[in-house]
């Protein structure tokens, strides 16, 4: 079964992003995983990562292919990554960012539904 692995919120400025990040962290008492000038994340007890990103700076800071215009709002665990990408194309979707390895994160890809909703597929690194 596929499950939600990352929930991302996008902000147009860093002040608003950090204000909401601190609010959610304090109210929900979640563990902070990562903080930077562009992206910060925390995790709940089920393993759901909740991220807060500054889309104004994202395009410069992120790797090629991951642009502010295609930021997904949520990512799902891709247990059959390549098959899921093929199925997305077969069903009329698009691949906005091909399967890419991101150090410390694992494999990641961004797809778009036929109506234009962006979502990401994520696969944790195996050790």
PDB file of N, CA and C in Angstrom:
ATOM      1  N   UNK A   1       0.839  -1.184   0.000  1.00  0.00           N
ATOM      2  CA  UNK A   1       0.000   0.000   0.000  1.00  0.00           C
ATOM      3  C   UNK A   1       0.885   1.249   0.000  1.00  0.00           C
ATOM      4  N   UNK A   2       0.546   2.198  -0.819  1.00  0.00           N
ATOM      5  CA  UNK A   2       1.284   3.456  -0.881  1.00  0.00           C
ATOM      6  C   UNK A   2       0.813   4.365   0.243  1.00  0.00           C
ATOM      7  N   UNK A   3       1.756   5.020   0.887  1.00  0.00           N
ATOM      8  CA  UNK A   3       1.376   5.935   1.961  1.00  0.00           C
ATOM      9  C   UNK A   3       2.068   7.277   1.795  1.00  0.00           C
ATOM     10  N   UNK A   4       1.464   8.291   2.381  1.00  0.00           N
ATOM     11  CA  UNK A   4       2.014   9.637   2.348  1.00  0.00           C
ATOM     12  C   UNK A   4       3.327   9.650   3.118  1.00  0.00           C
ATOM     13  N   UNK A   5       4.385  10.201   2.516  1.00  0.00           N
ATOM     14  CA  UNK A   5       5.672  10.238   3.209  1.00  0.00           C
ATOM     15  C   UNK A   5       6.151  11.658   3.504  1.00  0.00           C
ATOM     16  N   UNK A   6       5.789  12.611   2.648  1.00  0.00           N
ATOM     17  CA  UNK A   6       6.212  14.003   2.844  1.00  0.00           C
ATOM     18  C   UNK A   6       5.037  14.927   2.529  1.00  0.00           C
ATOM     19  N   UNK A   7       4.790  15.872   3.402  1.00  0.00           N
ATOM     20  CA  UNK A   7       3.783  16.907   3.186  1.00  0.00           C
ATOM     21  C   UNK A   7       4.524  18.237   3.199  1.00  0.00           C
ATOM     22  N   UNK A   8       4.501  18.962   2.090  1.00  0.00           N
ATOM     23  CA  UNK A   8       5.235  20.221   1.981  1.00  0.00           C
ATOM     24  C   UNK A   8       4.290  21.411   1.881  1.00  0.00           C
ATOM     25  N   UNK A   9       4.667  22.490   2.555  1.00  0.00           N
ATOM     26  CA  UNK A   9       3.955  23.753   2.469  1.00  0.00           C
ATOM     27  C   UNK A   9       4.886  24.767   1.823  1.00  0.00           C
ATOM     28  N   UNK A  10       4.365  25.550   0.884  1.00  0.00           N
ATOM     29  CA  UNK A  10       5.166  26.529   0.154  1.00  0.00           C
ATOM     30  C   UNK A  10       4.845  27.937   0.625  1.00  0.00           C
ATOM     31  N   UNK A  11       5.884  28.746   0.768  1.00  0.00           N
ATOM     32  CA  UNK A  11       5.732  30.128   1.196  1.00  0.00           C
ATOM     33  C   UNK A  11       6.497  31.034   0.243  1.00  0.00           C
ATOM     34  N   UNK A  12       6.040  32.277   0.109  1.00  0.00           N
ATOM     35  CA  UNK A  12       6.679  33.233  -0.796  1.00  0.00           C
ATOM     36  C   UNK A  12       7.762  34.055  -0.104  1.00  0.00           C
ATOM     37  N   UNK A  13       7.859  33.958   1.223  1.00  0.00           N
ATOM     38  CA  UNK A  13       8.918  34.679   1.929  1.00  0.00           C
ATOM     39  C   UNK A  13       9.344  33.877   3.152  1.00  0.00           C
ATOM     40  N   UNK A  14      10.566  34.128   3.593  1.00  0.00           N
ATOM     41  CA  UNK A  14      11.147  33.338   4.671  1.00  0.00           C
ATOM     42  C   UNK A  14      10.536  33.655   6.033  1.00  0.00           C
ATOM     43  N   UNK A  15      10.153  34.900   6.257  1.00  0.00           N
ATOM     44  CA  UNK A  15       9.578  35.276   7.552  1.00  0.00           C
ATOM     45  C   UNK A  15       8.290  34.497   7.824  1.00  0.00           C
ATOM     46  N   UNK A  16       7.409  34.444   6.846  1.00  0.00           N
ATOM     47  CA  UNK A  16       6.154  33.702   6.993  1.00  0.00           C
ATOM     48  C   UNK A  16       6.424  32.212   7.139  1.00  0.00           C
ATOM     49  N   UNK A  17       7.360  31.696   6.338  1.00  0.00           N
ATOM     50  CA  UNK A  17       7.704  30.273   6.403  1.00  0.00           C
ATOM     51  C   UNK A  17       8.165  29.891   7.810  1.00  0.00           C
ATOM     52  N   UNK A  18       9.092  30.648   8.373  1.00  0.00           N
ATOM     53  CA  UNK A  18       9.628  30.310   9.689  1.00  0.00           C
ATOM     54  C   UNK A  18       8.604  30.504  10.801  1.00  0.00           C
ATOM     55  N   UNK A  19       7.741  31.489  10.653  1.00  0.00           N
ATOM     56  CA  UNK A  19       6.697  31.718  11.653  1.00  0.00           C
ATOM     57  C   UNK A  19       5.772  30.507  11.732  1.00  0.00           C
ATOM     58  N   UNK A  20       5.325  30.008  10.581  1.00  0.00           N
ATOM     59  CA  UNK A  20       4.448  28.838  10.566  1.00  0.00           C
ATOM     60  C   UNK A  20       5.189  27.567  10.972  1.00  0.00           C
ATOM     61  N   UNK A  21       6.450  27.442  10.570  1.00  0.00           N
ATOM     62  CA  UNK A  21       7.254  26.278  10.952  1.00  0.00           C
ATOM     63  C   UNK A  21       7.352  26.187  12.475  1.00  0.00           C
ATOM     64  N   UNK A  22       7.696  27.294  13.119  1.00  0.00           N
ATOM     65  CA  UNK A  22       7.821  27.306  14.576  1.00  0.00           C
ATOM     66  C   UNK A  22       6.480  27.069  15.252  1.00  0.00           C
ATOM     67  N   UNK A  23       5.416  27.632  14.699  1.00  0.00           N
ATOM     68  CA  UNK A  23       4.080  27.431  15.256  1.00  0.00           C
ATOM     69  C   UNK A  23       3.704  25.950  15.243  1.00  0.00           C
ATOM     70  N   UNK A  24       3.814  25.304  14.072  1.00  0.00           N
ATOM     71  CA  UNK A  24       3.450  23.888  13.945  1.00  0.00           C
ATOM     72  C   UNK A  24       4.333  23.022  14.836  1.00  0.00           C
ATOM     73  N   UNK A  25       5.626  23.310  14.877  1.00  0.00           N
ATOM     74  CA  UNK A  25       6.548  22.520  15.693  1.00  0.00           C
ATOM     75  C   UNK A  25       6.174  22.609  17.166  1.00  0.00           C
ATOM     76  N   UNK A  26       5.850  23.790  17.648  1.00  0.00           N
ATOM     77  CA  UNK A  26       5.501  23.965  19.056  1.00  0.00           C
ATOM     78  C   UNK A  26       4.134  23.378  19.397  1.00  0.00           C
ATOM     79  N   UNK A  27       3.150  23.609  18.552  1.00  0.00           N
ATOM     80  CA  UNK A  27       1.793  23.125  18.828  1.00  0.00           C
ATOM     81  C   UNK A  27       1.718  21.603  18.747  1.00  0.00           C
ATOM     82  N   UNK A  28       2.321  21.018  17.714  1.00  0.00           N
ATOM     83  CA  UNK A  28       2.242  19.566  17.526  1.00  0.00           C
ATOM     84  C   UNK A  28       3.390  18.810  18.192  1.00  0.00           C
ATOM     85  N   UNK A  29       4.367  19.539  18.722  1.00  0.00           N
ATOM     86  CA  UNK A  29       5.518  18.930  19.402  1.00  0.00           C
ATOM     87  C   UNK A  29       6.219  17.894  18.522  1.00  0.00           C
ATOM     88  N   UNK A  30       6.581  18.309  17.310  1.00  0.00           N
ATOM     89  CA  UNK A  30       7.252  17.421  16.368  1.00  0.00           C
ATOM     90  C   UNK A  30       8.760  17.644  16.415  1.00  0.00           C
ATOM     91  N   UNK A  31       9.512  16.608  16.075  1.00  0.00           N
ATOM     92  CA  UNK A  31      10.971  16.694  16.055  1.00  0.00           C
ATOM     93  C   UNK A  31      11.454  17.380  14.787  1.00  0.00           C
ATOM     94  N   UNK A  32      12.306  18.390  14.946  1.00  0.00           N
ATOM     95  CA  UNK A  32      12.889  19.080  13.798  1.00  0.00           C
ATOM     96  C   UNK A  32      13.959  18.177  13.194  1.00  0.00           C
ATOM     97  N   UNK A  33      13.859  17.934  11.881  1.00  0.00           N
ATOM     98  CA  UNK A  33      14.825  17.094  11.176  1.00  0.00           C
ATOM     99  C   UNK A  33      15.921  17.904  10.516  1.00  0.00           C
ATOM    100  N   UNK A  34      15.523  19.019   9.909  1.00  0.00           N
ATOM    101  CA  UNK A  34      16.435  19.753   9.045  1.00  0.00           C
ATOM    102  C   UNK A  34      16.001  21.207   8.980  1.00  0.00           C
ATOM    103  N   UNK A  35      16.974  22.122   9.006  1.00  0.00           N
ATOM    104  CA  UNK A  35      16.670  23.541   8.841  1.00  0.00           C
ATOM    105  C   UNK A  35      17.705  24.183   7.928  1.00  0.00           C
ATOM    106  N   UNK A  36      17.228  24.988   6.979  1.00  0.00           N
ATOM    107  CA  UNK A  36      18.114  25.772   6.118  1.00  0.00           C
ATOM    108  C   UNK A  36      17.411  27.077   5.770  1.00  0.00           C
ATOM    109  N   UNK A  37      18.063  27.886   4.961  1.00  0.00           N
ATOM    110  CA  UNK A  37      17.469  29.161   4.553  1.00  0.00           C
ATOM    111  C   UNK A  37      16.300  28.980   3.598  1.00  0.00           C
ATOM    112  N   UNK A  38      16.183  27.804   3.005  1.00  0.00           N
ATOM    113  CA  UNK A  38      15.177  27.565   1.977  1.00  0.00           C
ATOM    114  C   UNK A  38      14.142  26.532   2.405  1.00  0.00           C
ATOM    115  N   UNK A  39      14.576  25.534   3.152  1.00  0.00           N
ATOM    116  CA  UNK A  39      13.693  24.408   3.473  1.00  0.00           C
ATOM    117  C   UNK A  39      13.962  23.935   4.893  1.00  0.00           C
ATOM    118  N   UNK A  40      12.902  23.705   5.640  1.00  0.00           N
ATOM    119  CA  UNK A  40      12.995  23.141   6.985  1.00  0.00           C
ATOM    120  C   UNK A  40      11.957  22.046   7.095  1.00  0.00           C
ATOM    121  N   UNK A  41      12.279  21.005   7.860  1.00  0.00           N
ATOM    122  CA  UNK A  41      11.310  19.915   7.989  1.00  0.00           C
ATOM    123  C   UNK A  41      11.302  19.355   9.400  1.00  0.00           C
ATOM    124  N   UNK A  42      10.212  18.695   9.717  1.00  0.00           N
ATOM    125  CA  UNK A  42      10.021  18.018  10.995  1.00  0.00           C
ATOM    126  C   UNK A  42       9.324  16.700  10.717  1.00  0.00           C
ATOM    127  N   UNK A  43       9.306  15.809  11.706  1.00  0.00           N
ATOM    128  CA  UNK A  43       8.709  14.495  11.497  1.00  0.00           C
ATOM    129  C   UNK A  43       7.778  14.149  12.651  1.00  0.00           C
ATOM    130  N   UNK A  44       6.642  13.520  12.306  1.00  0.00           N
ATOM    131  CA  UNK A  44       5.745  13.054  13.353  1.00  0.00           C
ATOM    132  C   UNK A  44       6.107  11.620  13.734  1.00  0.00           C
ATOM    133  N   UNK A  45       5.379  11.061  14.701  1.00  0.00           N
ATOM    134  CA  UNK A  45       5.708   9.727  15.214  1.00  0.00           C
ATOM    135  C   UNK A  45       5.458   8.606  14.210  1.00  0.00           C
ATOM    136  N   UNK A  46       4.696   8.861  13.166  1.00  0.00           N
ATOM    137  CA  UNK A  46       4.447   7.828  12.151  1.00  0.00           C
ATOM    138  C   UNK A  46       5.509   7.837  11.056  1.00  0.00           C
ATOM    139  N   UNK A  47       6.388   8.838  11.062  1.00  0.00           N
ATOM    140  CA  UNK A  47       7.414   8.953  10.029  1.00  0.00           C
ATOM    141  C   UNK A  47       7.061   9.937   8.929  1.00  0.00           C
ATOM    142  N   UNK A  48       5.916  10.611   9.042  1.00  0.00           N
ATOM    143  CA  UNK A  48       5.532  11.620   8.054  1.00  0.00           C
ATOM    144  C   UNK A  48       6.429  12.842   8.210  1.00  0.00           C
ATOM    145  N   UNK A  49       7.096  13.230   7.139  1.00  0.00           N
ATOM    146  CA  UNK A  49       7.937  14.421   7.136  1.00  0.00           C
ATOM    147  C   UNK A  49       7.089  15.604   6.676  1.00  0.00           C
ATOM    148  N   UNK A  50       7.128  16.692   7.432  1.00  0.00           N
ATOM    149  CA  UNK A  50       6.373  17.896   7.098  1.00  0.00           C
ATOM    150  C   UNK A  50       7.388  18.998   6.818  1.00  0.00           C
ATOM    151  N   UNK A  51       7.378  19.506   5.584  1.00  0.00           N
ATOM    152  CA  UNK A  51       8.371  20.487   5.170  1.00  0.00           C
ATOM    153  C   UNK A  51       7.776  21.856   4.903  1.00  0.00           C
ATOM    154  N   UNK A  52       8.608  22.863   5.081  1.00  0.00           N
ATOM    155  CA  UNK A  52       8.230  24.250   4.862  1.00  0.00           C
ATOM    156  C   UNK A  52       9.290  24.863   3.960  1.00  0.00           C
ATOM    157  N   UNK A  53       8.894  25.302   2.756  1.00  0.00           N
ATOM    158  CA  UNK A  53       9.884  25.790   1.800  1.00  0.00           C
ATOM    159  C   UNK A  53       9.597  27.204   1.333  1.00  0.00           C
ATOM    160  N   UNK A  54      10.670  27.941   1.085  1.00  0.00           N
ATOM    161  CA  UNK A  54      10.597  29.287   0.538  1.00  0.00           C
ATOM    162  C   UNK A  54      10.740  29.160  -0.974  1.00  0.00           C
ATOM    163  N   UNK A  55       9.641  29.274  -1.698  1.00  0.00           N
ATOM    164  CA  UNK A  55       9.676  29.056  -3.145  1.00  0.00           C
ATOM    165  C   UNK A  55      10.392  30.170  -3.896  1.00  0.00           C
ATOM    166  N   UNK A  56      10.546  31.345  -3.302  1.00  0.00           N
ATOM    167  CA  UNK A  56      11.299  32.413  -3.965  1.00  0.00           C
ATOM    168  C   UNK A  56      12.770  32.056  -4.113  1.00  0.00           C
ATOM    169  N   UNK A  57      13.310  31.306  -3.172  1.00  0.00           N
ATOM    170  CA  UNK A  57      14.720  30.936  -3.210  1.00  0.00           C
ATOM    171  C   UNK A  57      14.934  29.508  -3.680  1.00  0.00           C
ATOM    172  N   UNK A  58      13.875  28.752  -3.774  1.00  0.00           N
ATOM    173  CA  UNK A  58      13.996  27.332  -4.086  1.00  0.00           C
ATOM    174  C   UNK A  58      14.659  27.081  -5.429  1.00  0.00           C
ATOM    175  N   UNK A  59      14.294  27.853  -6.425  1.00  0.00           N
ATOM    176  CA  UNK A  59      14.810  27.609  -7.770  1.00  0.00           C
ATOM    177  C   UNK A  59      16.335  27.715  -7.817  1.00  0.00           C
ATOM    178  N   UNK A  60      16.896  28.646  -7.080  1.00  0.00           N
ATOM    179  CA  UNK A  60      18.347  28.800  -7.067  1.00  0.00           C
ATOM    180  C   UNK A  60      19.017  27.719  -6.226  1.00  0.00           C
ATOM    181  N   UNK A  61      18.374  27.321  -5.143  1.00  0.00           N
ATOM    182  CA  UNK A  61      19.009  26.416  -4.193  1.00  0.00           C
ATOM    183  C   UNK A  61      18.859  24.949  -4.550  1.00  0.00           C
ATOM    184  N   UNK A  62      17.812  24.619  -5.250  1.00  0.00           N
ATOM    185  CA  UNK A  62      17.539  23.210  -5.522  1.00  0.00           C
ATOM    186  C   UNK A  62      18.290  22.728  -6.751  1.00  0.00           C
ATOM    187  N   UNK A  63      18.363  21.428  -6.862  1.00  0.00           N
ATOM    188  CA  UNK A  63      19.078  20.871  -8.010  1.00  0.00           C
ATOM    189  C   UNK A  63      18.257  21.015  -9.287  1.00  0.00           C
ATOM    190  N   UNK A  64      18.895  20.818 -10.406  1.00  0.00           N
ATOM    191  CA  UNK A  64      18.255  20.966 -11.720  1.00  0.00           C
ATOM    192  C   UNK A  64      17.005  20.099 -11.802  1.00  0.00           C
ATOM    193  N   UNK A  65      15.934  20.659 -12.316  1.00  0.00           N
ATOM    194  CA  UNK A  65      14.696  19.913 -12.488  1.00  0.00           C
ATOM    195  C   UNK A  65      13.673  20.179 -11.405  1.00  0.00           C
ATOM    196  N   UNK A  66      14.115  20.603 -10.238  1.00  0.00           N
ATOM    197  CA  UNK A  66      13.194  20.849  -9.126  1.00  0.00           C
ATOM    198  C   UNK A  66      12.980  22.348  -9.032  1.00  0.00           C
ATOM    199  N   UNK A  67      12.042  22.858  -9.790  1.00  0.00           N
ATOM    200  CA  UNK A  67      11.820  24.294  -9.901  1.00  0.00           C
ATOM    201  C   UNK A  67      10.610  24.729  -9.080  1.00  0.00           C
ATOM    202  N   UNK A  68      10.578  25.983  -8.711  1.00  0.00           N
ATOM    203  CA  UNK A  68       9.477  26.509  -7.913  1.00  0.00           C
ATOM    204  C   UNK A  68       8.132  26.281  -8.586  1.00  0.00           C
ATOM    205  N   UNK A  69       8.107  26.255  -9.893  1.00  0.00           N
ATOM    206  CA  UNK A  69       6.849  26.097 -10.614  1.00  0.00           C
ATOM    207  C   UNK A  69       6.287  24.684 -10.534  1.00  0.00           C
ATOM    208  N   UNK A  70       7.092  23.725 -10.093  1.00  0.00           N
ATOM    209  CA  UNK A  70       6.605  22.347 -10.036  1.00  0.00           C
ATOM    210  C   UNK A  70       6.682  21.758  -8.631  1.00  0.00           C
ATOM    211  N   UNK A  71       6.797  22.592  -7.621  1.00  0.00           N
ATOM    212  CA  UNK A  71       6.902  22.090  -6.254  1.00  0.00           C
ATOM    213  C   UNK A  71       5.659  21.274  -5.906  1.00  0.00           C
ATOM    214  N   UNK A  72       5.850  20.025  -5.496  1.00  0.00           N
ATOM    215  CA  UNK A  72       4.697  19.214  -5.099  1.00  0.00           C
ATOM    216  C   UNK A  72       4.268  19.566  -3.679  1.00  0.00           C
ATOM    217  N   UNK A  73       3.000  19.374  -3.374  1.00  0.00           N
ATOM    218  CA  UNK A  73       2.525  19.596  -2.017  1.00  0.00           C
ATOM    219  C   UNK A  73       2.644  18.346  -1.172  1.00  0.00           C
ATOM    220  N   UNK A  74       2.717  17.201  -1.824  1.00  0.00           N
ATOM    221  CA  UNK A  74       2.885  15.977  -1.050  1.00  0.00           C
ATOM    222  C   UNK A  74       3.661  14.949  -1.848  1.00  0.00           C
ATOM    223  N   UNK A  75       4.293  14.056  -1.113  1.00  0.00           N
ATOM    224  CA  UNK A  75       5.071  12.973  -1.717  1.00  0.00           C
ATOM    225  C   UNK A  75       4.570  11.656  -1.152  1.00  0.00           C
ATOM    226  N   UNK A  76       4.609  10.635  -1.961  1.00  0.00           N
ATOM    227  CA  UNK A  76       4.190   9.311  -1.513  1.00  0.00           C
ATOM    228  C   UNK A  76       5.370   8.352  -1.610  1.00  0.00           C
ATOM    229  N   UNK A  77       5.361   7.342  -0.721  1.00  0.00           N
ATOM    230  CA  UNK A  77       6.382   6.303  -0.794  1.00  0.00           C
ATOM    231  C   UNK A  77       6.199   5.530  -2.086  1.00  0.00           C
ATOM    232  N   UNK A  78       7.251   5.409  -2.841  1.00  0.00           N
ATOM    233  CA  UNK A  78       7.197   4.691  -4.118  1.00  0.00           C
ATOM    234  C   UNK A  78       7.849   3.327  -3.942  1.00  0.00           C
ATOM    235  N   UNK A  79       7.040   2.336  -3.646  1.00  0.00           N
ATOM    236  CA  UNK A  79       7.577   0.998  -3.428  1.00  0.00           C
ATOM    237  C   UNK A  79       7.945   0.326  -4.744  1.00  0.00           C
ATOM    238  N   UNK A  80       7.317   0.727  -5.831  1.00  0.00           N
ATOM    239  CA  UNK A  80       7.615   0.220  -7.175  1.00  0.00           C
ATOM    240  C   UNK A  80       7.869   1.431  -8.066  1.00  0.00           C
ATOM    241  N   UNK A  81       8.975   2.111  -7.797  1.00  0.00           N
ATOM    242  CA  UNK A  81       9.257   3.427  -8.371  1.00  0.00           C
ATOM    243  C   UNK A  81       9.148   3.462  -9.890  1.00  0.00           C
ATOM    244  N   UNK A  82       9.911   2.629 -10.566  1.00  0.00           N
ATOM    245  CA  UNK A  82       9.927   2.663 -12.033  1.00  0.00           C
ATOM    246  C   UNK A  82       8.568   2.313 -12.627  1.00  0.00           C
ATOM    247  N   UNK A  83       7.887   1.357 -12.014  1.00  0.00           N
ATOM    248  CA  UNK A  83       6.556   0.977 -12.491  1.00  0.00           C
ATOM    249  C   UNK A  83       5.562   2.121 -12.295  1.00  0.00           C
ATOM    250  N   UNK A  84       5.693   2.854 -11.194  1.00  0.00           N
ATOM    251  CA  UNK A  84       4.795   3.981 -10.937  1.00  0.00           C
ATOM    252  C   UNK A  84       5.030   5.102 -11.951  1.00  0.00           C
ATOM    253  N   UNK A  85       6.293   5.361 -12.314  1.00  0.00           N
ATOM    254  CA  UNK A  85       6.584   6.376 -13.335  1.00  0.00           C
ATOM    255  C   UNK A  85       5.998   5.975 -14.685  1.00  0.00           C
ATOM    256  N   UNK A  86       6.161   4.719 -15.049  1.00  0.00           N
ATOM    257  CA  UNK A  86       5.608   4.230 -16.318  1.00  0.00           C
ATOM    258  C   UNK A  86       4.087   4.340 -16.316  1.00  0.00           C
ATOM    259  N   UNK A  87       3.471   3.990 -15.202  1.00  0.00           N
ATOM    260  CA  UNK A  87       2.010   4.046 -15.088  1.00  0.00           C
ATOM    261  C   UNK A  87       1.518   5.490 -15.186  1.00  0.00           C
ATOM    262  N   UNK A  88       2.273   6.426 -14.615  1.00  0.00           N
ATOM    263  CA  UNK A  88       1.887   7.843 -14.696  1.00  0.00           C
ATOM    264  C   UNK A  88       1.802   8.292 -16.154  1.00  0.00           C
ATOM    265  N   UNK A  89       2.781   7.903 -16.953  1.00  0.00           N
ATOM    266  CA  UNK A  89       2.767   8.256 -18.377  1.00  0.00           C
ATOM    267  C   UNK A  89       1.636   7.554 -19.118  1.00  0.00           C
ATOM    268  N   UNK A  90       1.436   6.274 -18.830  1.00  0.00           N
ATOM    269  CA  UNK A  90       0.368   5.506 -19.486  1.00  0.00           C
ATOM    270  C   UNK A  90      -1.007   6.085 -19.200  1.00  0.00           C
ATOM    271  N   UNK A  91      -1.180   6.675 -18.028  1.00  0.00           N
ATOM    272  CA  UNK A  91      -2.478   7.215 -17.633  1.00  0.00           C
ATOM    273  C   UNK A  91      -2.658   8.679 -18.033  1.00  0.00           C
ATOM    274  N   UNK A  92      -1.732   9.213 -18.833  1.00  0.00           N
ATOM    275  CA  UNK A  92      -1.887  10.573 -19.348  1.00  0.00           C
ATOM    276  C   UNK A  92      -1.201  11.647 -18.536  1.00  0.00           C
ATOM    277  N   UNK A  93      -0.392  11.262 -17.558  1.00  0.00           N
ATOM    278  CA  UNK A  93       0.335  12.233 -16.754  1.00  0.00           C
ATOM    279  C   UNK A  93       1.663  12.605 -17.392  1.00  0.00           C
ATOM    280  N   UNK A  94       2.411  13.442 -16.696  1.00  0.00           N
ATOM    281  CA  UNK A  94       3.726  13.884 -17.165  1.00  0.00           C
ATOM    282  C   UNK A  94       4.756  13.642 -16.069  1.00  0.00           C
ATOM    283  N   UNK A  95       5.997  13.489 -16.476  1.00  0.00           N
ATOM    284  CA  UNK A  95       7.098  13.437 -15.520  1.00  0.00           C
ATOM    285  C   UNK A  95       7.790  14.794 -15.588  1.00  0.00           C
ATOM    286  N   UNK A  96       7.686  15.568 -14.506  1.00  0.00           N
ATOM    287  CA  UNK A  96       8.272  16.904 -14.471  1.00  0.00           C
ATOM    288  C   UNK A  96       9.728  16.869 -14.023  1.00  0.00           C
ATOM    289  N   UNK A  97      10.066  15.917 -13.177  1.00  0.00           N
ATOM    290  CA  UNK A  97      11.450  15.703 -12.749  1.00  0.00           C
ATOM    291  C   UNK A  97      11.685  14.204 -12.761  1.00  0.00           C
ATOM    292  N   UNK A  98      12.615  13.720 -13.553  1.00  0.00           N
ATOM    293  CA  UNK A  98      12.846  12.275 -13.617  1.00  0.00           C
ATOM    294  C   UNK A  98      13.395  11.731 -12.298  1.00  0.00           C
ATOM    295  N   UNK A  99      13.374  10.435 -12.169  1.00  0.00           N
ATOM    296  CA  UNK A  99      13.906   9.772 -10.980  1.00  0.00           C
ATOM    297  C   UNK A  99      15.347  10.230 -10.761  1.00  0.00           C
ATOM    298  N   UNK A 100      15.583  10.849  -9.619  1.00  0.00           N
ATOM    299  CA  UNK A 100      16.872  11.456  -9.305  1.00  0.00           C
ATOM    300  C   UNK A 100      17.274  11.065  -7.893  1.00  0.00           C
ATOM    301  N   UNK A 101      18.542  10.767  -7.685  1.00  0.00           N
ATOM    302  CA  UNK A 101      19.016  10.463  -6.339  1.00  0.00           C
ATOM    303  C   UNK A 101      19.414  11.757  -5.647  1.00  0.00           C
ATOM    304  N   UNK A 102      18.888  11.983  -4.451  1.00  0.00           N
ATOM    305  CA  UNK A 102      19.227  13.147  -3.644  1.00  0.00           C
ATOM    306  C   UNK A 102      19.905  12.631  -2.381  1.00  0.00           C
ATOM    307  N   UNK A 103      21.133  13.045  -2.173  1.00  0.00           N
ATOM    308  CA  UNK A 103      21.931  12.589  -1.036  1.00  0.00           C
ATOM    309  C   UNK A 103      21.171  12.786   0.276  1.00  0.00           C
ATOM    310  N   UNK A 104      21.090  11.743   1.070  1.00  0.00           N
ATOM    311  CA  UNK A 104      20.420  11.806   2.363  1.00  0.00           C
ATOM    312  C   UNK A 104      18.911  11.677   2.298  1.00  0.00           C
ATOM    313  N   UNK A 105      18.353  11.708   1.109  1.00  0.00           N
ATOM    314  CA  UNK A 105      16.902  11.612   0.938  1.00  0.00           C
ATOM    315  C   UNK A 105      16.523  10.332   0.227  1.00  0.00           C
ATOM    316  N   UNK A 106      17.269   9.965  -0.785  1.00  0.00           N
ATOM    317  CA  UNK A 106      16.944   8.795  -1.596  1.00  0.00           C
ATOM    318  C   UNK A 106      16.495   9.223  -2.974  1.00  0.00           C
ATOM    319  N   UNK A 107      15.801   8.331  -3.663  1.00  0.00           N
ATOM    320  CA  UNK A 107      15.317   8.654  -5.007  1.00  0.00           C
ATOM    321  C   UNK A 107      14.054   9.495  -4.918  1.00  0.00           C
ATOM    322  N   UNK A 108      13.891  10.383  -5.894  1.00  0.00           N
ATOM    323  CA  UNK A 108      12.804  11.349  -5.885  1.00  0.00           C
ATOM    324  C   UNK A 108      12.441  11.665  -7.325  1.00  0.00           C
ATOM    325  N   UNK A 109      11.167  11.814  -7.605  1.00  0.00           N
ATOM    326  CA  UNK A 109      10.691  12.233  -8.926  1.00  0.00           C
ATOM    327  C   UNK A 109       9.421  13.044  -8.729  1.00  0.00           C
ATOM    328  N   UNK A 110       9.137  13.929  -9.664  1.00  0.00           N
ATOM    329  CA  UNK A 110       7.906  14.715  -9.601  1.00  0.00           C
ATOM    330  C   UNK A 110       7.081  14.398 -10.838  1.00  0.00           C
ATOM    331  N   UNK A 111       5.825  14.037 -10.601  1.00  0.00           N
ATOM    332  CA  UNK A 111       4.906  13.752 -11.698  1.00  0.00           C
ATOM    333  C   UNK A 111       3.733  14.726 -11.632  1.00  0.00           C
ATOM    334  N   UNK A 112       2.999  14.804 -12.739  1.00  0.00           N
ATOM    335  CA  UNK A 112       1.832  15.682 -12.811  1.00  0.00           C
ATOM    336  C   UNK A 112       0.655  14.879 -13.331  1.00  0.00           C
ATOM    337  N   UNK A 113      -0.492  15.050 -12.689  1.00  0.00           N
ATOM    338  CA  UNK A 113      -1.705  14.373 -13.133  1.00  0.00           C
ATOM    339  C   UNK A 113      -2.187  15.012 -14.431  1.00  0.00           C
ATOM    340  N   UNK A 114      -3.095  14.359 -15.159  1.00  0.00           N
ATOM    341  CA  UNK A 114      -3.621  14.953 -16.394  1.00  0.00           C
ATOM    342  C   UNK A 114      -4.241  16.338 -16.186  1.00  0.00           C
ATOM    343  N   UNK A 115      -4.772  16.616 -14.981  1.00  0.00           N
ATOM    344  CA  UNK A 115      -5.390  17.921 -14.738  1.00  0.00           C
ATOM    345  C   UNK A 115      -4.417  18.949 -14.182  1.00  0.00           C
ATOM    346  N   UNK A 116      -3.153  18.551 -13.941  1.00  0.00           N
ATOM    347  CA  UNK A 116      -2.146  19.521 -13.535  1.00  0.00           C
ATOM    348  C   UNK A 116      -1.742  19.525 -12.074  1.00  0.00           C
ATOM    349  N   UNK A 117      -2.135  18.532 -11.292  1.00  0.00           N
ATOM    350  CA  UNK A 117      -1.717  18.457  -9.892  1.00  0.00           C
ATOM    351  C   UNK A 117      -0.339  17.808  -9.827  1.00  0.00           C
ATOM    352  N   UNK A 118       0.582  18.447  -9.122  1.00  0.00           N
ATOM    353  CA  UNK A 118       1.943  17.928  -8.993  1.00  0.00           C
ATOM    354  C   UNK A 118       2.081  17.122  -7.707  1.00  0.00           C
ATOM    355  N   UNK A 119       2.714  15.961  -7.810  1.00  0.00           N
ATOM    356  CA  UNK A 119       3.036  15.184  -6.632  1.00  0.00           C
ATOM    357  C   UNK A 119       4.369  14.517  -6.843  1.00  0.00           C
ATOM    358  N   UNK A 120       4.981  14.135  -5.751  1.00  0.00           N
ATOM    359  CA  UNK A 120       6.304  13.526  -5.837  1.00  0.00           C
ATOM    360  C   UNK A 120       6.250  12.073  -5.404  1.00  0.00           C
ATOM    361  N   UNK A 121       7.147  11.304  -5.976  1.00  0.00           N
ATOM    362  CA  UNK A 121       7.370   9.929  -5.558  1.00  0.00           C
ATOM    363  C   UNK A 121       8.701   9.923  -4.824  1.00  0.00           C
ATOM    364  N   UNK A 122       8.749   9.274  -3.682  1.00  0.00           N
ATOM    365  CA  UNK A 122       9.973   9.245  -2.879  1.00  0.00           C
ATOM    366  C   UNK A 122      10.291   7.813  -2.492  1.00  0.00           C
ATOM    367  N   UNK A 123      11.565   7.489  -2.526  1.00  0.00           N
ATOM    368  CA  UNK A 123      12.015   6.161  -2.121  1.00  0.00           C
ATOM    369  C   UNK A 123      13.202   6.352  -1.193  1.00  0.00           C
ATOM    370  N   UNK A 124      13.046   5.917   0.045  1.00  0.00           N
ATOM    371  CA  UNK A 124      14.100   6.066   1.038  1.00  0.00           C
ATOM    372  C   UNK A 124      15.337   5.286   0.623  1.00  0.00           C
ATOM    373  N   UNK A 125      16.522   5.805   0.940  1.00  0.00           N
ATOM    374  CA  UNK A 125      17.738   5.068   0.595  1.00  0.00           C
ATOM    375  C   UNK A 125      17.824   3.766   1.383  1.00  0.00           C
ATOM    376  N   UNK A 126      18.324   2.731   0.750  1.00  0.00           N
ATOM    377  CA  UNK A 126      18.517   1.461   1.445  1.00  0.00           C
ATOM    378  C   UNK A 126      19.948   1.405   1.942  1.00  0.00           C
ATOM    379  N   UNK A 127      20.092   0.905   3.144  1.00  0.00           N
ATOM    380  CA  UNK A 127      21.436   0.860   3.726  1.00  0.00           C
ATOM    381  C   UNK A 127      21.857  -0.549   3.962  1.00  0.00           C
TER     382      UNK A 127
END
